[in-house]
Amino acid sequence: MPATVRCPICKKEVPLDDPNMPFCSDRCRLLDLGNWASEKYVISSPVRGAEKLEDLEDLDLPEGPDR
């Protein structure tokens, strides 16, 4: 039996080689897109790694041979 994942919308099992994967159908794919468009899904906060990168850019580091 091929490996499967569950459709994030209807929870039906979907084979990994299905062209609609991770969705089971175009209907579920469109429902998911509608959820994003209507802002049902949100990203609550920025990624922490990006904050640390900004902090490093603000530091005055001496120029080295590899810079």
Protein backbone atom coordinates (compact mmCIF):
# COMPACT_ATOMS: atom_id res chain seq x y z
CA MET A 1 0.00 0.00 0.00
CA PRO A 2 1.44 3.43 -0.96
CA ALA A 3 2.21 5.99 1.72
CA THR A 4 -0.59 8.44 2.41
CA VAL A 5 -1.28 11.75 4.11
CA ARG A 6 -4.58 13.16 5.32
CA CYS A 7 -6.26 15.98 3.40
CA PRO A 8 -6.07 19.10 5.63
CA ILE A 9 -9.68 20.01 4.78
CA CYS A 10 -11.74 16.79 4.84
CA LYS A 11 -9.21 14.39 6.47
CA LYS A 12 -9.58 11.78 3.70
CA GLU A 13 -6.43 9.72 3.03
CA VAL A 14 -4.48 10.87 -0.04
CA PRO A 15 -1.66 8.87 -1.69
CA LEU A 16 1.66 10.72 -1.93
CA ASP A 17 1.68 10.28 -5.70
CA ASP A 18 -1.76 11.90 -6.14
CA PRO A 19 -1.54 15.06 -8.31
CA ASN A 20 -3.71 16.97 -5.80
CA MET A 21 -1.56 16.02 -2.79
CA PRO A 22 -1.80 17.14 0.02
CA PHE A 23 -5.45 17.72 -0.89
CA CYS A 24 -7.80 14.96 -2.02
CA SER A 25 -9.48 17.05 -4.73
CA ASP A 26 -9.64 20.44 -6.44
CA ARG A 27 -12.62 21.23 -4.21
CA CYS A 28 -10.55 20.89 -1.02
CA ARG A 29 -7.68 22.82 -2.63
CA LEU A 30 -10.06 25.71 -3.43
CA LEU A 31 -11.60 25.63 0.05
CA ASP A 32 -8.10 25.96 1.52
CA LEU A 33 -7.29 28.87 -0.81
CA GLY A 34 -10.58 30.53 0.25
CA ASN A 35 -9.61 30.12 3.91
CA TRP A 36 -6.33 31.97 3.26
CA ALA A 37 -8.09 34.66 1.20
CA SER A 38 -10.70 35.28 3.90
CA GLU A 39 -7.92 35.42 6.53
CA LYS A 40 -9.17 32.38 8.47
CA TYR A 41 -5.53 31.35 8.60
CA VAL A 42 -3.05 33.86 10.02
CA ILE A 43 0.61 33.84 10.90
CA SER A 44 0.62 35.19 14.43
CA SER A 45 4.17 36.44 14.86
CA PRO A 46 7.37 36.92 12.89
CA VAL A 47 9.93 34.16 12.72
CA ARG A 48 12.42 34.45 15.57
CA GLY A 49 15.40 33.76 13.34
CA ALA A 50 14.68 36.91 11.33
CA GLU A 51 14.83 39.03 14.50
CA LYS A 52 18.23 37.60 15.42
CA LEU A 53 19.55 38.24 11.91
CA GLU A 54 18.49 41.91 12.17
CA ASP A 55 20.30 42.18 15.54
CA LEU A 56 23.50 40.81 13.97
CA GLU A 57 23.29 43.28 11.09
CA ASP A 58 23.20 46.17 13.59
CA LEU A 59 26.49 45.14 15.23
CA ASP A 60 29.72 46.89 14.19
CA LEU A 61 31.94 43.89 13.61
CA PRO A 62 35.57 44.32 12.58
CA GLU A 63 36.36 43.48 8.99
CA GLY A 64 38.08 40.13 8.70
CA PRO A 65 39.82 38.32 5.85
CA ASP A 66 36.62 36.46 4.92
CA ARG A 67 34.40 39.55 4.82
